[in-house]
Amino acid sequence: MLRITNRLSGITLCLLVLTSAASAQTNLTAKAGTTPAQPVNAPAETDRTRDGLVGPVRRIRTEVAKLSSASGNQQESKHVTLEIVSYDVKGNKTENQYFPIAGATLTGKEVYKYDDKGNISEMTMLNADGSLLSKEMYKYEFDFAGNWSKMTTSVAVVDGGKLTFEPTEVTYRMIMYYLDENMLKAVQPTVAASAPAPVPVNIPSKPVSDSKSQANKSTAPVLPTATNNATKVTGSGPEAKTLSTGSAATPVVVDAEPPPAVPRPILKPVSGGVLNGVAISLPPPVYPDAAKRMRTSGIVSVDVVLDEGGKVVSATATSGPTLLREAAIQAALKARFSPTKLSGQPVKVSGTINYKFSLIQ
């Protein structure tokens, strides 16, 4: 009888433990179900953010200049416009002009490395067989908003048996911004610094006896002067303090740190080789009547530059009969291609389209 009682007690204890565990699990599940994770509202992606720009950028003008050494000093050649891009207030691209530079056509496979800000720091160009063709390094200077304003390109050379990098080209970006709250805060210190200095005020002092004048010399007030209103800012962030060496301090608003930089777009077009086989639309050229009458035929090669959307923005005939080149250029400008991305970024592409003109159809 005692054995049966002990067994019943053990079974009852197990049931109580299982019931408590199930109740706890039910409460935990119910609690988790009542507080679902709230989705984070990510900022809307625009053409401006896809181009890797920070802040309300309105227009960018990009210019390049070759570097040369004369008497031990680096000199820049004449600046040449490479690109002009404009955006509206919402960040949509409204203008994209690309100006190809003679002799800048890239050949070979390009491998890129990036720095911690997402900018290209190194480019290695390889031949078709994988052998090294050339190597370049890039250094940047940034403006107040965090966008780069100057890029120096250096090519790898071997001098005295040592590998060094020689600066060969410099690229400038003149960036214009729309005025918003963040830009207003960024330019306020400049506005405050340019404000006119306060005019010193002469405070009349009361006549005192000779015995007291000597005692009060050390405690005499220092009157503010026109040069005593320099403002200094200590610290950074929201807790920054404003100190003044004069009686009237000019308040300076210290803006918070700029948002983290996003990957920058690739400035130079990526070489795509012969593009005939990858075109979405490749209209045939119109055979000129003059060329037909003169029995002119042959292959015309047209060097093209595609923008990030796959549209041909530049076309130049480099070889082939002269009578057929203009027709080939007009046909190339009508070609369309799929957008090309490198490391998730849309890039420009340079390549060649070949057109065959034959009198035998």
Protein backbone atom coordinates (compact mmCIF):
# COMPACT_ATOMS: atom_id res chain seq x y z
CA MET A 1 0.00 0.00 0.00
CA LEU A 2 2.86 2.34 0.85
CA ARG A 3 4.49 1.56 -2.50
CA ILE A 4 1.33 2.45 -4.41
CA THR A 5 1.00 5.70 -2.47
CA ASN A 6 4.59 6.69 -3.30
CA ARG A 7 4.01 5.95 -6.99
CA LEU A 8 0.86 8.05 -7.06
CA SER A 9 2.71 10.92 -5.35
CA GLY A 10 5.51 10.73 -7.94
CA ILE A 11 3.07 10.76 -10.86
CA THR A 12 1.23 13.74 -9.39
CA LEU A 13 4.52 15.67 -8.97
CA CYS A 14 5.51 15.00 -12.61
CA LEU A 15 2.15 16.23 -13.85
CA LEU A 16 2.51 19.45 -11.86
CA VAL A 17 6.00 20.10 -13.34
CA LEU A 18 4.80 19.49 -16.91
CA THR A 19 1.77 21.76 -16.38
CA SER A 20 3.98 24.60 -15.09
CA ALA A 21 6.40 24.29 -18.03
CA ALA A 22 3.55 24.33 -20.54
CA SER A 23 2.01 27.37 -18.86
CA ALA A 24 5.34 29.22 -18.92
CA GLN A 25 5.85 28.37 -22.60
CA THR A 26 2.33 29.56 -23.41
CA ASN A 27 2.91 32.87 -21.60
CA LEU A 28 6.24 33.39 -23.37
CA THR A 29 4.68 32.71 -26.76
CA ALA A 30 1.77 35.02 -26.03
CA LYS A 31 4.14 37.76 -24.89
CA ALA A 32 6.27 37.43 -28.02
CA GLY A 33 3.15 37.49 -30.18
CA THR A 34 1.85 40.72 -28.65
CA THR A 35 5.05 42.72 -29.39
CA PRO A 36 6.00 42.08 -33.02
CA ALA A 37 9.21 43.68 -34.28
CA GLN A 38 8.54 47.01 -35.87
CA PRO A 39 9.99 47.48 -39.37
CA VAL A 40 12.62 50.15 -39.71
CA ASN A 41 11.68 52.84 -42.19
CA ALA A 42 14.64 52.95 -44.57
CA PRO A 43 15.13 56.17 -46.51
CA ALA A 44 13.84 56.06 -50.07
CA GLU A 45 16.54 55.28 -52.61
CA THR A 46 17.09 58.00 -55.21
CA ASP A 47 19.43 58.53 -58.14
CA ARG A 48 21.54 60.73 -55.86
CA THR A 49 21.99 58.07 -53.18
CA ARG A 50 22.62 55.39 -55.80
CA ASP A 51 25.47 57.57 -57.08
CA GLY A 52 26.97 57.46 -53.58
CA LEU A 53 26.44 61.14 -52.73
CA VAL A 54 25.85 62.60 -49.27
CA GLY A 55 23.51 65.52 -48.65
CA PRO A 56 21.20 67.53 -50.94
CA VAL A 57 23.55 67.68 -53.93
CA ARG A 58 22.19 69.76 -56.81
CA ARG A 59 24.92 69.68 -59.46
CA ILE A 60 28.38 68.14 -59.92
CA ARG A 61 30.88 69.21 -62.53
CA THR A 62 33.83 66.84 -62.89
CA GLU A 63 37.08 67.98 -64.48
CA VAL A 64 40.38 66.16 -65.04
CA ALA A 65 43.91 67.43 -65.61
CA LYS A 66 47.11 65.58 -66.45
CA LEU A 67 50.07 65.97 -64.09
CA SER A 68 53.64 66.50 -65.30
CA SER A 69 56.95 67.19 -63.58
CA ALA A 70 58.94 70.28 -64.53
CA SER A 71 62.06 71.31 -62.60
CA GLY A 72 61.05 69.00 -59.78
CA ASN A 73 57.58 70.57 -59.41
CA GLN A 74 54.27 69.03 -60.42
CA GLN A 75 52.24 71.03 -62.89
CA GLU A 76 48.65 70.53 -64.01
CA SER A 77 47.65 70.71 -67.64
CA LYS A 78 44.51 72.46 -68.84
CA HIS A 79 41.37 71.19 -67.09
CA VAL A 80 39.06 69.14 -69.31
CA THR A 81 35.37 68.63 -68.44
CA LEU A 82 34.57 64.95 -67.98
CA GLU A 83 30.98 64.94 -66.71
CA ILE A 84 28.11 67.19 -65.61
CA VAL A 85 25.31 65.69 -63.49
CA SER A 86 22.29 67.51 -62.03
CA TYR A 87 19.60 66.40 -59.57
CA ASP A 88 16.27 67.88 -58.52
CA VAL A 89 15.31 68.56 -54.90
CA LYS A 90 14.01 64.98 -54.45
CA GLY A 91 17.27 63.48 -55.71
CA ASN A 92 16.12 62.42 -59.20
CA LYS A 93 18.70 62.82 -61.96
CA THR A 94 17.70 65.56 -64.41
CA GLU A 95 20.92 65.93 -66.44
CA ASN A 96 23.80 63.58 -67.24
CA GLN A 97 26.34 64.78 -69.79
CA TYR A 98 29.45 62.68 -70.32
CA PHE A 99 32.39 64.00 -72.35
CA PRO A 100 34.78 61.24 -73.46
CA ILE A 101 38.45 62.17 -73.51
CA ALA A 102 40.65 61.22 -76.42
CA GLY A 103 43.02 58.40 -75.55
CA ALA A 104 41.07 57.45 -72.40
CA THR A 105 39.55 54.23 -73.80
CA LEU A 106 40.27 51.39 -71.38
CA THR A 107 41.33 47.94 -72.51
CA GLY A 108 41.66 44.88 -70.33
CA LYS A 109 39.96 43.44 -67.26
CA GLU A 110 39.84 45.81 -64.29
CA VAL A 111 39.92 44.64 -60.66
CA TYR A 112 39.05 47.22 -57.96
CA LYS A 113 39.80 47.57 -54.24
CA TYR A 114 37.85 49.94 -51.95
CA ASP A 115 38.72 51.91 -48.82
CA ASP A 116 36.66 52.06 -45.62
CA LYS A 117 34.56 54.92 -47.08
CA GLY A 118 33.55 52.91 -50.14
CA ASN A 119 35.80 54.79 -52.57
CA ILE A 120 38.00 52.99 -55.08
CA SER A 121 41.52 52.96 -53.65
CA GLU A 122 43.27 50.72 -56.14
CA MET A 123 42.71 49.43 -59.68
CA THR A 124 44.62 46.57 -61.30
CA MET A 125 44.31 46.04 -65.06
CA LEU A 126 44.89 42.56 -66.44
CA ASN A 127 45.40 41.24 -69.96
CA ALA A 128 43.09 38.62 -71.44
CA ASP A 129 45.47 35.87 -70.25
CA GLY A 130 45.42 37.21 -66.68
CA SER A 131 48.87 38.82 -66.77
CA LEU A 132 49.40 42.25 -65.18
CA LEU A 133 48.98 45.20 -67.54
CA SER A 134 49.06 48.19 -65.16
CA LYS A 135 48.11 49.36 -61.69
CA GLU A 136 46.74 52.61 -60.29
CA MET A 137 46.11 54.06 -56.83
CA TYR A 138 43.66 56.83 -55.88
CA LYS A 139 43.79 59.35 -53.02
CA TYR A 140 40.89 61.64 -52.08
CA GLU A 141 40.17 64.97 -50.43
CA PHE A 142 36.67 65.60 -49.03
CA ASP A 143 34.41 68.64 -48.61
CA PHE A 144 32.45 69.62 -45.49
CA ALA A 145 29.55 67.25 -46.33
CA GLY A 146 31.72 64.16 -46.79
CA ASN A 147 31.71 63.99 -50.60
CA TRP A 148 35.12 63.81 -52.26
CA SER A 149 36.14 66.95 -54.12
CA LYS A 150 39.60 65.96 -55.38
CA MET A 151 41.02 62.62 -56.50
CA THR A 152 44.68 62.08 -57.40
CA THR A 153 45.49 59.13 -59.66
CA SER A 154 48.96 57.58 -59.39
CA VAL A 155 50.30 54.87 -61.69
CA ALA A 156 52.66 52.13 -60.54
CA VAL A 157 56.22 52.45 -61.88
CA VAL A 158 59.52 50.73 -61.13
CA ASP A 159 62.32 53.17 -60.35
CA GLY A 160 65.76 51.90 -59.32
CA GLY A 161 64.39 48.41 -58.75
CA LYS A 162 61.69 49.67 -56.35
CA LEU A 163 57.95 49.87 -56.87
CA THR A 164 56.64 53.41 -56.51
CA PHE A 165 53.52 55.31 -57.56
CA GLU A 166 53.83 58.43 -59.70
CA PRO A 167 50.93 60.95 -59.76
CA THR A 168 49.67 61.24 -63.33
CA GLU A 169 46.19 62.77 -63.15
CA VAL A 170 44.02 64.83 -60.82
CA THR A 171 40.22 64.93 -60.89
CA TYR A 172 38.16 67.74 -59.37
CA ARG A 173 34.45 67.77 -58.49
CA MET A 174 32.73 71.13 -58.06
CA ILE A 175 29.64 70.24 -55.96
CA MET A 176 26.64 72.53 -55.45
CA TYR A 177 24.06 71.78 -52.73
CA TYR A 178 20.42 72.67 -52.16
CA LEU A 179 19.82 74.53 -48.87
CA ASP A 180 18.06 72.42 -46.25
CA GLU A 181 18.18 72.26 -42.43
CA ASN A 182 21.49 70.36 -42.31
CA MET A 183 23.13 72.66 -44.85
CA LEU A 184 21.85 75.70 -42.91
CA LYS A 185 23.51 74.42 -39.75
CA ALA A 186 26.71 73.71 -41.63
CA VAL A 187 27.00 77.25 -42.99
CA GLN A 188 25.87 79.08 -39.83
CA PRO A 189 29.38 79.27 -38.31
CA THR A 190 30.57 80.97 -41.51
CA VAL A 191 27.69 83.45 -41.34
CA ALA A 192 28.39 84.13 -37.67
CA ALA A 193 32.11 84.65 -38.31
CA SER A 194 31.34 87.22 -41.00
CA ALA A 195 29.00 89.25 -38.75
CA PRO A 196 30.26 92.75 -37.85
CA ALA A 197 32.09 93.10 -34.54
CA PRO A 198 30.23 94.87 -31.71
CA VAL A 199 31.21 98.51 -31.11
CA PRO A 200 32.95 99.00 -27.74
CA VAL A 201 30.92 100.96 -25.18
CA ASN A 202 32.55 103.44 -22.85
CA ILE A 203 31.18 103.07 -19.32
CA PRO A 204 31.62 106.24 -17.21
CA SER A 205 33.32 105.56 -13.90
CA LYS A 206 32.60 107.34 -10.63
CA PRO A 207 35.35 109.55 -9.13
CA VAL A 208 37.14 107.85 -6.23
CA SER A 209 39.60 109.13 -3.66
CA ASP A 210 43.33 108.64 -4.11
CA SER A 211 43.48 106.20 -1.22
CA LYS A 212 40.94 103.91 -2.86
CA SER A 213 42.17 104.26 -6.43
CA GLN A 214 45.38 102.31 -5.75
CA ALA A 215 43.45 99.50 -4.05
CA ASN A 216 40.98 99.25 -6.92
CA LYS A 217 43.58 99.12 -9.72
CA SER A 218 43.80 95.34 -9.63
CA THR A 219 40.02 94.95 -9.69
CA ALA A 220 39.27 97.55 -12.36
CA PRO A 221 36.94 96.15 -15.06
CA VAL A 222 38.38 95.50 -18.52
CA LEU A 223 36.28 97.18 -21.14
CA PRO A 224 35.44 95.16 -24.27
CA THR A 225 37.25 96.14 -27.44
CA ALA A 226 36.65 95.46 -31.12
CA THR A 227 39.25 92.67 -31.04
CA ASN A 228 37.90 90.93 -27.93
CA ASN A 229 34.94 89.18 -29.55
CA ALA A 230 36.71 86.09 -30.93
CA THR A 231 34.62 83.03 -30.27
CA LYS A 232 36.07 79.63 -29.46
CA VAL A 233 34.25 76.30 -29.51
CA THR A 234 35.36 73.44 -27.27
CA GLY A 235 34.17 69.89 -27.55
CA SER A 236 31.98 68.45 -30.26
CA GLY A 237 28.41 67.23 -30.67
CA PRO A 238 25.36 68.39 -28.73
CA GLU A 239 27.37 69.18 -25.56
CA ALA A 240 29.72 71.64 -27.29
CA LYS A 241 30.31 74.83 -25.24
CA THR A 242 30.75 78.36 -26.54
CA LEU A 243 33.46 80.45 -24.89
CA SER A 244 34.12 84.12 -25.61
CA THR A 245 37.08 86.33 -24.82
CA GLY A 246 34.83 89.41 -24.98
CA SER A 247 31.60 90.48 -23.35
CA ALA A 248 29.34 89.54 -26.30
CA ALA A 249 29.82 85.97 -27.51
CA THR A 250 28.55 84.98 -30.92
CA PRO A 251 26.66 81.67 -30.65
CA VAL A 252 28.00 78.98 -32.95
CA VAL A 253 25.92 75.93 -33.78
CA VAL A 254 28.06 72.80 -34.06
CA ASP A 255 26.44 70.31 -36.41
CA ALA A 256 26.39 66.63 -35.64
CA GLU A 257 28.71 64.24 -37.46
CA PRO A 258 27.78 63.68 -41.12
CA PRO A 259 26.00 60.42 -41.93
CA PRO A 260 28.22 57.46 -42.82
CA ALA A 261 29.48 57.50 -46.36
CA VAL A 262 27.97 55.08 -48.85
CA PRO A 263 29.91 53.40 -51.62
CA ARG A 264 30.93 55.89 -54.28
CA PRO A 265 30.20 55.30 -57.94
CA ILE A 266 33.02 54.31 -60.26
CA LEU A 267 34.13 57.45 -62.08
CA LYS A 268 35.85 55.90 -65.10
CA PRO A 269 33.86 53.73 -67.51
CA VAL A 270 34.52 50.00 -67.29
CA SER A 271 35.84 48.40 -70.46
CA GLY A 272 33.36 46.02 -72.07
CA GLY A 273 35.23 45.06 -75.24
CA VAL A 274 33.11 44.33 -78.32
CA LEU A 275 29.47 44.96 -77.37
CA ASN A 276 27.61 43.58 -80.41
CA GLY A 277 26.61 40.35 -78.66
CA VAL A 278 25.24 41.95 -75.48
CA ALA A 279 22.98 44.61 -76.99
CA ILE A 280 19.26 44.57 -76.22
CA SER A 281 18.57 46.56 -79.37
CA LEU A 282 21.08 47.00 -82.20
CA PRO A 283 19.44 48.70 -85.21
CA PRO A 284 21.32 48.18 -88.50
CA PRO A 285 22.90 51.25 -90.11
CA VAL A 286 21.44 52.90 -93.19
CA TYR A 287 23.67 52.25 -96.19
CA PRO A 288 24.55 55.68 -97.66
CA ASP A 289 23.58 56.10 -101.32
CA ALA A 290 26.93 57.71 -102.12
CA ALA A 291 28.75 54.67 -100.74
CA LYS A 292 26.56 52.36 -102.82
CA ARG A 293 27.26 54.29 -106.00
CA MET A 294 30.99 54.13 -105.30
CA ARG A 295 30.78 50.42 -104.38
CA THR A 296 32.21 51.17 -100.93
CA SER A 297 31.97 48.41 -98.32
CA GLY A 298 33.78 47.23 -95.21
CA ILE A 299 33.64 47.13 -91.42
CA VAL A 300 33.33 50.29 -89.32
CA SER A 301 34.35 50.19 -85.64
CA VAL A 302 32.61 52.69 -83.35
CA ASP A 303 33.88 53.37 -79.84
CA VAL A 304 30.90 54.04 -77.52
CA VAL A 305 30.32 55.02 -73.91
CA LEU A 306 27.21 53.72 -72.11
CA ASP A 307 25.72 55.46 -69.09
CA GLU A 308 24.53 53.62 -65.96
CA GLY A 309 21.20 52.83 -67.63
CA GLY A 310 22.70 51.25 -70.74
CA LYS A 311 22.09 54.22 -73.06
CA VAL A 312 24.76 55.23 -75.57
CA VAL A 313 25.91 58.75 -74.64
CA SER A 314 28.96 58.97 -76.90
CA ALA A 315 29.93 57.39 -80.23
CA THR A 316 33.11 57.89 -82.27
CA ALA A 317 34.09 55.98 -85.42
CA THR A 318 37.74 54.87 -85.17
CA SER A 319 38.22 52.75 -88.28
CA GLY A 320 36.55 51.86 -91.57
CA PRO A 321 35.71 53.67 -94.82
CA THR A 322 35.04 57.38 -94.38
CA LEU A 323 31.81 57.29 -96.38
CA LEU A 324 30.34 54.73 -93.98
CA ARG A 325 31.41 56.18 -90.63
CA GLU A 326 28.60 58.69 -90.07
CA ALA A 327 25.94 56.05 -90.77
CA ALA A 328 27.61 53.72 -88.27
CA ILE A 329 27.72 56.48 -85.63
CA GLN A 330 24.01 57.25 -86.04
CA ALA A 331 23.16 53.55 -85.71
CA ALA A 332 25.34 53.22 -82.58
CA LEU A 333 23.56 56.12 -80.87
CA LYS A 334 20.28 54.21 -81.24
CA ALA A 335 21.61 50.99 -79.66
CA ARG A 336 20.43 49.97 -76.19
CA PHE A 337 22.06 47.75 -73.56
CA SER A 338 21.22 46.32 -70.14
CA PRO A 339 22.58 48.29 -67.14
CA THR A 340 25.96 47.04 -65.91
CA LYS A 341 26.72 46.75 -62.19
CA LEU A 342 30.07 46.25 -60.47
CA SER A 343 30.02 45.33 -56.76
CA GLY A 344 26.33 46.30 -56.73
CA GLN A 345 26.95 49.77 -58.19
CA PRO A 346 25.72 50.87 -61.64
CA VAL A 347 28.70 51.80 -63.80
CA LYS A 348 29.43 53.37 -67.15
CA VAL A 349 30.82 51.06 -69.81
CA SER A 350 33.12 51.78 -72.74
CA GLY A 351 33.37 49.41 -75.68
CA THR A 352 33.22 48.93 -79.41
CA ILE A 353 30.37 48.20 -81.83
CA ASN A 354 31.35 46.81 -85.23
CA TYR A 355 29.12 47.41 -88.26
CA LYS A 356 29.61 45.43 -91.48
CA PHE A 357 28.57 47.16 -94.70
CA SER A 358 28.19 44.75 -97.60
CA LEU A 359 26.79 45.38 -101.07
CA ILE A 360 25.77 41.72 -101.33
CA GLN A 361 22.66 41.34 -99.21
